[in-house]
Protein backbone atom coordinates (compact mmCIF):
# COMPACT_ATOMS: atom_id res chain seq x y z
CA MET A 1 10.51 -19.96 17.59
CA ARG A 2 8.36 -18.75 14.70
CA THR A 3 6.58 -16.27 16.97
CA LYS A 4 9.90 -14.88 18.22
CA VAL A 5 11.18 -14.44 14.67
CA GLU A 6 7.94 -12.76 13.55
CA THR A 7 8.17 -10.37 16.51
CA ALA A 8 11.80 -9.53 15.70
CA LEU A 9 10.90 -8.94 12.04
CA GLN A 10 8.20 -6.50 13.16
CA ASP A 11 10.96 -4.46 14.82
CA ILE A 12 13.10 -4.54 11.65
CA ARG A 13 10.29 -3.71 9.17
CA PRO A 14 10.10 0.06 9.79
CA MET A 15 13.73 0.47 8.69
CA LEU A 16 13.09 -1.46 5.47
CA GLN A 17 9.77 0.28 4.84
CA ALA A 18 11.49 3.67 5.18
CA ASP A 19 13.32 2.72 1.95
CA CYS A 20 10.13 1.35 0.29
CA GLY A 21 11.03 -2.28 1.02
CA ASP A 22 9.84 -5.05 3.31
CA VAL A 23 10.61 -8.59 4.43
CA GLU A 24 8.35 -11.66 4.59
CA LEU A 25 9.02 -14.77 6.64
CA VAL A 26 8.84 -17.82 4.37
CA ASP A 27 10.06 -20.74 6.51
CA ILE A 28 12.20 -21.76 9.47
CA LYS A 29 14.00 -25.09 9.55
CA ASP A 30 16.88 -26.21 11.77
CA GLY A 31 17.57 -22.62 12.82
CA ILE A 32 17.75 -21.37 9.24
CA VAL A 33 15.28 -18.56 8.62
CA LYS A 34 14.16 -18.12 5.03
CA VAL A 35 12.82 -14.72 4.09
CA LYS A 36 11.72 -12.92 0.97
CA LEU A 37 12.77 -9.31 0.48
CA THR A 38 10.02 -7.36 -1.26
CA GLY A 39 9.44 -3.89 -2.66
CA ALA A 40 12.58 -1.87 -3.31
CA CYS A 41 14.62 -4.38 -1.26
CA GLY A 42 13.76 -7.19 -3.68
CA GLY A 43 15.75 -5.72 -6.56
CA CYS A 44 18.32 -3.70 -4.66
CA PRO A 45 21.98 -4.50 -5.38
CA MET A 46 22.67 -4.07 -1.64
CA SER A 47 20.00 -6.58 -0.61
CA GLN A 48 22.48 -9.28 0.45
CA MET A 49 24.27 -6.79 2.69
CA THR A 50 20.93 -5.78 4.19
CA LEU A 51 20.08 -9.45 4.67
CA LYS A 52 23.34 -10.51 6.36
CA ASN A 53 24.48 -7.33 8.13
CA GLY A 54 21.05 -6.07 9.07
CA ILE A 55 18.32 -8.68 9.27
CA GLU A 56 20.48 -11.67 10.25
CA VAL A 57 22.39 -9.79 12.94
CA ARG A 58 19.21 -8.42 14.52
CA LEU A 59 17.41 -11.77 14.37
CA LYS A 60 20.35 -13.56 16.02
CA GLU A 61 20.34 -10.96 18.81
CA ALA A 62 16.60 -11.32 19.38
CA VAL A 63 16.37 -15.09 18.81
CA PRO A 64 19.60 -16.93 19.72
CA GLU A 65 18.31 -20.14 18.11
CA VAL A 66 18.68 -18.55 14.66
CA VAL A 67 21.70 -20.01 12.84
CA SER A 68 21.46 -18.01 9.62
CA VAL A 69 19.08 -16.07 7.41
CA GLU A 70 18.68 -16.83 3.71
CA SER A 71 16.78 -15.07 0.96
CA VAL A 72 14.44 -17.06 -1.27
């Protein structure tokens, strides 16, 4: 599952990097993916929207085993 999530994050990264941000995979446990938003995304007031409406949606499409995505 980790490999699938990493691959999906590689597809998401260019969109985040276009806004000077990025995402790092921290851990996966029981279908919950923990990520760290970095760069401009780390301090952005819209980061939770990006996390839930962007990253989580795309990860669930690519990896159906994903239950949720949380920021750490």
